[in-house]
Amino acid sequence: MQGLVLEWKRKDKDRAWIAHVAYIDDRYPDPKLIVQWLEAKSLRPVPWIDPNH
């Protein structure tokens, strides 16, 4: 799912990066806004599409 990274920080224990992410979970009839902390290794960038083409 596509989402928006709101904030980055390091985990205390192993110093790995985590991201505070917001996204819409639309797998259900009533979509929900989800905001949660996720490990950076579970994220990937959304492919960029040039809006001028």
N, C-alpha and C. Protein backbone atom coordinates (compact mmCIF):
# COMPACT_ATOMS: atom_id res chain seq x y z
N MET A 1 0.83 -1.17 0.00
CA MET A 1 0.00 0.00 0.00
C MET A 1 0.89 1.25 0.00
N GLN A 2 0.41 2.26 -0.65
CA GLN A 2 1.14 3.53 -0.63
C GLN A 2 0.80 4.29 0.64
N GLY A 3 1.79 5.00 1.17
CA GLY A 3 1.58 5.76 2.38
C GLY A 3 2.47 6.98 2.41
N LEU A 4 2.41 7.69 3.51
CA LEU A 4 3.19 8.90 3.70
C LEU A 4 4.02 8.74 4.96
N VAL A 5 5.35 8.94 4.83
CA VAL A 5 6.22 8.91 6.00
C VAL A 5 6.09 10.25 6.73
N LEU A 6 5.70 10.19 7.99
CA LEU A 6 5.49 11.39 8.79
C LEU A 6 6.75 11.76 9.59
N GLU A 7 7.52 10.75 9.96
CA GLU A 7 8.68 10.99 10.82
C GLU A 7 9.61 9.78 10.77
N TRP A 8 10.90 10.03 10.96
CA TRP A 8 11.90 8.97 11.07
C TRP A 8 12.54 9.05 12.44
N LYS A 9 12.92 7.90 13.00
CA LYS A 9 13.73 7.88 14.22
C LYS A 9 14.45 6.55 14.30
N ARG A 10 15.42 6.48 15.20
CA ARG A 10 16.16 5.25 15.41
C ARG A 10 15.57 4.47 16.58
N LYS A 11 15.52 3.14 16.41
CA LYS A 11 15.12 2.30 17.52
C LYS A 11 16.23 2.32 18.56
N ASP A 12 15.86 2.25 19.83
CA ASP A 12 16.86 2.32 20.90
C ASP A 12 17.80 1.12 20.91
N LYS A 13 17.24 -0.06 20.75
CA LYS A 13 18.02 -1.28 20.96
C LYS A 13 19.13 -1.47 19.94
N ASP A 14 18.77 -1.56 18.67
CA ASP A 14 19.79 -1.87 17.65
C ASP A 14 20.10 -0.70 16.72
N ARG A 15 19.52 0.45 17.00
CA ARG A 15 19.79 1.67 16.24
C ARG A 15 19.31 1.60 14.80
N ALA A 16 18.42 0.67 14.48
CA ALA A 16 17.83 0.60 13.13
C ALA A 16 16.80 1.71 12.99
N TRP A 17 16.58 2.16 11.76
CA TRP A 17 15.61 3.22 11.50
C TRP A 17 14.19 2.66 11.50
N ILE A 18 13.25 3.46 12.05
CA ILE A 18 11.83 3.17 11.95
C ILE A 18 11.13 4.43 11.45
N ALA A 19 9.98 4.24 10.82
CA ALA A 19 9.24 5.36 10.23
C ALA A 19 7.82 5.38 10.78
N HIS A 20 7.35 6.58 11.09
CA HIS A 20 5.95 6.78 11.47
C HIS A 20 5.21 7.01 10.16
N VAL A 21 4.32 6.11 9.81
CA VAL A 21 3.70 6.08 8.48
C VAL A 21 2.18 6.15 8.59
N ALA A 22 1.57 6.89 7.66
CA ALA A 22 0.11 6.95 7.54
C ALA A 22 -0.28 6.40 6.18
N TYR A 23 -1.30 5.55 6.16
CA TYR A 23 -1.80 5.00 4.90
C TYR A 23 -3.26 4.61 5.05
N ILE A 24 -3.94 4.48 3.92
CA ILE A 24 -5.34 4.06 3.90
C ILE A 24 -5.40 2.56 3.62
N ASP A 25 -6.02 1.83 4.52
CA ASP A 25 -6.23 0.40 4.31
C ASP A 25 -7.60 0.23 3.68
N ASP A 26 -7.60 0.00 2.37
CA ASP A 26 -8.87 -0.09 1.64
C ASP A 26 -9.24 -1.52 1.27
N ARG A 27 -8.74 -2.48 2.04
CA ARG A 27 -9.07 -3.89 1.77
C ARG A 27 -10.46 -4.25 2.27
N TYR A 28 -11.11 -3.36 2.97
CA TYR A 28 -12.41 -3.63 3.56
C TYR A 28 -13.44 -2.66 2.99
N PRO A 29 -14.73 -2.95 3.13
CA PRO A 29 -15.76 -2.04 2.60
C PRO A 29 -15.67 -0.62 3.18
N ASP A 30 -15.22 -0.49 4.42
CA ASP A 30 -15.10 0.82 5.07
C ASP A 30 -13.60 1.11 5.27
N PRO A 31 -12.94 1.81 4.31
CA PRO A 31 -11.50 2.07 4.42
C PRO A 31 -11.15 2.79 5.72
N LYS A 32 -9.96 2.46 6.25
CA LYS A 32 -9.51 3.03 7.51
C LYS A 32 -8.15 3.70 7.33
N LEU A 33 -7.97 4.82 8.03
CA LEU A 33 -6.67 5.48 8.09
C LEU A 33 -5.85 4.77 9.17
N ILE A 34 -4.69 4.27 8.79
CA ILE A 34 -3.79 3.59 9.71
C ILE A 34 -2.55 4.46 9.89
N VAL A 35 -2.16 4.70 11.13
CA VAL A 35 -0.93 5.43 11.44
C VAL A 35 -0.16 4.55 12.41
N GLN A 36 1.05 4.15 12.00
CA GLN A 36 1.82 3.25 12.85
C GLN A 36 3.31 3.39 12.57
N TRP A 37 4.12 2.87 13.50
CA TRP A 37 5.56 2.82 13.32
C TRP A 37 5.91 1.52 12.62
N LEU A 38 6.73 1.62 11.55
CA LEU A 38 7.17 0.46 10.79
C LEU A 38 8.69 0.49 10.65
N GLU A 39 9.30 -0.67 10.61
CA GLU A 39 10.74 -0.74 10.40
C GLU A 39 11.06 -0.30 8.97
N ALA A 40 12.12 0.46 8.83
CA ALA A 40 12.51 0.98 7.51
C ALA A 40 12.72 -0.14 6.50
N LYS A 41 13.22 -1.28 6.95
CA LYS A 41 13.48 -2.38 6.02
C LYS A 41 12.21 -2.94 5.39
N SER A 42 11.04 -2.62 5.96
CA SER A 42 9.78 -3.10 5.38
C SER A 42 9.17 -2.10 4.39
N LEU A 43 9.84 -0.96 4.19
CA LEU A 43 9.32 0.08 3.30
C LEU A 43 10.10 0.11 2.00
N ARG A 44 9.45 0.61 0.95
CA ARG A 44 10.14 0.84 -0.32
C ARG A 44 9.50 2.06 -0.98
N PRO A 45 10.28 2.80 -1.77
CA PRO A 45 9.72 4.00 -2.40
C PRO A 45 8.66 3.67 -3.44
N VAL A 46 7.72 4.56 -3.59
CA VAL A 46 6.70 4.44 -4.63
C VAL A 46 7.35 4.92 -5.95
N PRO A 47 7.17 4.18 -7.04
CA PRO A 47 7.74 4.62 -8.32
C PRO A 47 7.23 6.03 -8.67
N TRP A 48 8.15 6.86 -9.12
CA TRP A 48 7.81 8.23 -9.48
C TRP A 48 7.30 8.28 -10.92
N ILE A 49 6.20 8.98 -11.15
CA ILE A 49 5.65 9.16 -12.48
C ILE A 49 5.67 10.66 -12.78
N ASP A 50 6.26 11.03 -13.89
CA ASP A 50 6.36 12.44 -14.28
C ASP A 50 4.97 12.95 -14.64
N PRO A 51 4.43 13.92 -13.90
CA PRO A 51 3.08 14.43 -14.18
C PRO A 51 3.02 15.24 -15.47
N ASN A 52 4.16 15.60 -16.06
CA ASN A 52 4.19 16.40 -17.28
C ASN A 52 4.14 15.54 -18.54
N HIS A 53 4.05 14.25 -18.39
CA HIS A 53 4.01 13.37 -19.58
C HIS A 53 2.72 12.61 -19.65
